[in-house]
Amino acid sequence: MFEGWSSEEIVGFVVVYATLAAAVAWFAQSRGRDVWNWFGVALFLSPPLTFILLVLLGPAKARA
């Protein structure tokens, strides 16, 4: 996947990917969901896909 990429490009990709995953985690927190779980899901799947999943799930229901 990274064939022909310089080390700076790889580091830049990882930084952007992790930043997008952190943004998804922040969005999850604002919806009442667990930050670390959603951060991990975003890292494993992809931040845009995880963001769409969070939007479709909606806010978390309050526990009694």
N, C-alpha and C. Protein backbone atom coordinates (compact mmCIF):
# COMPACT_ATOMS: atom_id res chain seq x y z
N MET A 1 0.82 -1.20 0.00
CA MET A 1 0.00 0.00 0.00
C MET A 1 0.87 1.26 0.00
N PHE A 2 1.95 1.23 0.76
CA PHE A 2 2.79 2.41 0.88
C PHE A 2 4.01 2.35 -0.03
N GLU A 3 3.99 1.49 -1.02
CA GLU A 3 5.13 1.35 -1.92
C GLU A 3 5.33 2.65 -2.70
N GLY A 4 6.52 3.16 -2.66
CA GLY A 4 6.82 4.40 -3.37
C GLY A 4 6.57 5.64 -2.54
N TRP A 5 6.09 5.48 -1.32
CA TRP A 5 5.85 6.62 -0.44
C TRP A 5 7.12 6.93 0.34
N SER A 6 7.38 8.20 0.58
CA SER A 6 8.50 8.58 1.43
C SER A 6 8.07 8.43 2.90
N SER A 7 9.03 8.44 3.78
CA SER A 7 8.71 8.30 5.20
C SER A 7 7.88 9.49 5.70
N GLU A 8 8.11 10.68 5.14
CA GLU A 8 7.32 11.84 5.52
C GLU A 8 5.86 11.68 5.12
N GLU A 9 5.62 11.10 3.97
CA GLU A 9 4.24 10.88 3.52
C GLU A 9 3.53 9.85 4.39
N ILE A 10 4.25 8.82 4.80
CA ILE A 10 3.66 7.80 5.66
C ILE A 10 3.32 8.40 7.02
N VAL A 11 4.23 9.17 7.59
CA VAL A 11 3.98 9.81 8.88
C VAL A 11 2.80 10.77 8.75
N GLY A 12 2.75 11.52 7.68
CA GLY A 12 1.63 12.44 7.46
C GLY A 12 0.30 11.70 7.37
N PHE A 13 0.29 10.58 6.68
CA PHE A 13 -0.92 9.77 6.56
C PHE A 13 -1.37 9.28 7.93
N VAL A 14 -0.43 8.77 8.72
CA VAL A 14 -0.77 8.25 10.05
C VAL A 14 -1.29 9.37 10.94
N VAL A 15 -0.69 10.54 10.88
CA VAL A 15 -1.14 11.68 11.69
C VAL A 15 -2.55 12.10 11.31
N VAL A 16 -2.81 12.21 10.01
CA VAL A 16 -4.15 12.61 9.55
C VAL A 16 -5.18 11.54 9.92
N TYR A 17 -4.84 10.27 9.75
CA TYR A 17 -5.75 9.17 10.06
C TYR A 17 -6.09 9.16 11.55
N ALA A 18 -5.07 9.33 12.41
CA ALA A 18 -5.29 9.34 13.86
C ALA A 18 -6.08 10.58 14.28
N THR A 19 -5.84 11.70 13.63
CA THR A 19 -6.60 12.92 13.93
C THR A 19 -8.07 12.75 13.56
N LEU A 20 -8.34 12.13 12.42
CA LEU A 20 -9.73 11.88 12.04
C LEU A 20 -10.39 10.89 13.01
N ALA A 21 -9.66 9.89 13.45
CA ALA A 21 -10.19 8.95 14.44
C ALA A 21 -10.49 9.67 15.76
N ALA A 22 -9.64 10.60 16.16
CA ALA A 22 -9.88 11.38 17.37
C ALA A 22 -11.11 12.27 17.21
N ALA A 23 -11.31 12.82 16.02
CA ALA A 23 -12.50 13.64 15.77
C ALA A 23 -13.77 12.79 15.86
N VAL A 24 -13.71 11.56 15.39
CA VAL A 24 -14.84 10.65 15.51
C VAL A 24 -15.10 10.35 16.99
N ALA A 25 -14.05 10.14 17.77
CA ALA A 25 -14.20 9.89 19.20
C ALA A 25 -14.84 11.08 19.91
N TRP A 26 -14.42 12.28 19.54
CA TRP A 26 -15.02 13.49 20.12
C TRP A 26 -16.50 13.57 19.75
N PHE A 27 -16.85 13.26 18.51
CA PHE A 27 -18.24 13.26 18.08
C PHE A 27 -19.04 12.20 18.84
N ALA A 28 -18.43 11.04 19.06
CA ALA A 28 -19.10 9.98 19.82
C ALA A 28 -19.38 10.45 21.25
N GLN A 29 -18.43 11.14 21.85
CA GLN A 29 -18.63 11.65 23.20
C GLN A 29 -19.78 12.65 23.24
N SER A 30 -19.88 13.48 22.23
CA SER A 30 -20.96 14.47 22.19
C SER A 30 -22.33 13.81 22.01
N ARG A 31 -22.33 12.56 21.53
CA ARG A 31 -23.57 11.81 21.36
C ARG A 31 -23.83 10.88 22.54
N GLY A 32 -23.01 10.96 23.58
CA GLY A 32 -23.21 10.15 24.77
C GLY A 32 -22.68 8.73 24.65
N ARG A 33 -21.71 8.52 23.81
CA ARG A 33 -21.15 7.19 23.60
C ARG A 33 -19.71 7.15 24.11
N ASP A 34 -19.19 5.94 24.31
CA ASP A 34 -17.85 5.75 24.86
C ASP A 34 -16.76 6.20 23.88
N VAL A 35 -15.88 7.06 24.36
CA VAL A 35 -14.85 7.65 23.51
C VAL A 35 -13.85 6.61 23.02
N TRP A 36 -13.32 5.80 23.94
CA TRP A 36 -12.24 4.87 23.57
C TRP A 36 -12.72 3.76 22.66
N ASN A 37 -13.93 3.28 22.90
CA ASN A 37 -14.46 2.24 22.00
C ASN A 37 -14.59 2.77 20.58
N TRP A 38 -15.12 3.95 20.44
CA TRP A 38 -15.33 4.51 19.10
C TRP A 38 -14.02 4.94 18.45
N PHE A 39 -13.06 5.36 19.24
CA PHE A 39 -11.73 5.66 18.70
C PHE A 39 -11.12 4.39 18.11
N GLY A 40 -11.22 3.29 18.85
CA GLY A 40 -10.70 2.01 18.36
C GLY A 40 -11.40 1.53 17.11
N VAL A 41 -12.72 1.69 17.08
CA VAL A 41 -13.49 1.29 15.89
C VAL A 41 -13.06 2.13 14.69
N ALA A 42 -12.87 3.42 14.92
CA ALA A 42 -12.44 4.30 13.83
C ALA A 42 -11.06 3.93 13.32
N LEU A 43 -10.15 3.55 14.22
CA LEU A 43 -8.82 3.12 13.78
C LEU A 43 -8.89 1.82 13.00
N PHE A 44 -9.75 0.91 13.44
CA PHE A 44 -9.83 -0.41 12.82
C PHE A 44 -10.55 -0.37 11.47
N LEU A 45 -11.70 0.29 11.40
CA LEU A 45 -12.47 0.35 10.15
C LEU A 45 -11.95 1.50 9.28
N SER A 46 -12.48 2.66 9.55
CA SER A 46 -12.01 3.90 8.93
C SER A 46 -12.80 5.04 9.56
N PRO A 47 -12.17 6.19 9.75
CA PRO A 47 -12.88 7.29 10.38
C PRO A 47 -14.16 7.72 9.63
N PRO A 48 -14.14 7.86 8.30
CA PRO A 48 -15.40 8.28 7.64
C PRO A 48 -16.52 7.25 7.79
N LEU A 49 -16.20 5.98 7.69
CA LEU A 49 -17.21 4.94 7.84
C LEU A 49 -17.76 4.93 9.26
N THR A 50 -16.90 5.09 10.24
CA THR A 50 -17.33 5.12 11.64
C THR A 50 -18.18 6.35 11.92
N PHE A 51 -17.83 7.47 11.34
CA PHE A 51 -18.64 8.69 11.51
C PHE A 51 -20.05 8.47 10.96
N ILE A 52 -20.15 7.88 9.79
CA ILE A 52 -21.47 7.60 9.21
C ILE A 52 -22.26 6.66 10.11
N LEU A 53 -21.59 5.65 10.66
CA LEU A 53 -22.24 4.72 11.57
C LEU A 53 -22.77 5.43 12.80
N LEU A 54 -21.99 6.34 13.36
CA LEU A 54 -22.44 7.11 14.52
C LEU A 54 -23.65 7.98 14.20
N VAL A 55 -23.65 8.59 13.03
CA VAL A 55 -24.78 9.42 12.64
C VAL A 55 -26.04 8.56 12.51
N LEU A 56 -25.90 7.39 11.91
CA LEU A 56 -27.05 6.50 11.73
C LEU A 56 -27.57 5.96 13.06
N LEU A 57 -26.68 5.72 14.02
CA LEU A 57 -27.11 5.20 15.32
C LEU A 57 -27.83 6.24 16.16
N GLY A 58 -27.47 7.49 15.98
CA GLY A 58 -28.11 8.55 16.75
C GLY A 58 -27.54 8.63 18.16
N PRO A 59 -28.09 9.55 18.97
CA PRO A 59 -27.59 9.70 20.35
C PRO A 59 -27.90 8.46 21.18
N ALA A 60 -27.04 8.23 22.18
CA ALA A 60 -27.25 7.10 23.09
C ALA A 60 -28.45 7.39 23.98
N LYS A 61 -29.17 6.37 24.32
CA LYS A 61 -30.31 6.51 25.22
C LYS A 61 -29.80 6.63 26.65
N ALA A 62 -30.47 7.45 27.43
CA ALA A 62 -30.08 7.62 28.83
C ALA A 62 -30.44 6.35 29.61
N ARG A 63 -29.52 5.96 30.49
CA ARG A 63 -29.76 4.79 31.32
C ARG A 63 -30.51 5.19 32.59
N ALA A 64 -31.41 4.33 32.99
CA ALA A 64 -32.21 4.65 34.20
C ALA A 64 -31.51 4.25 35.47
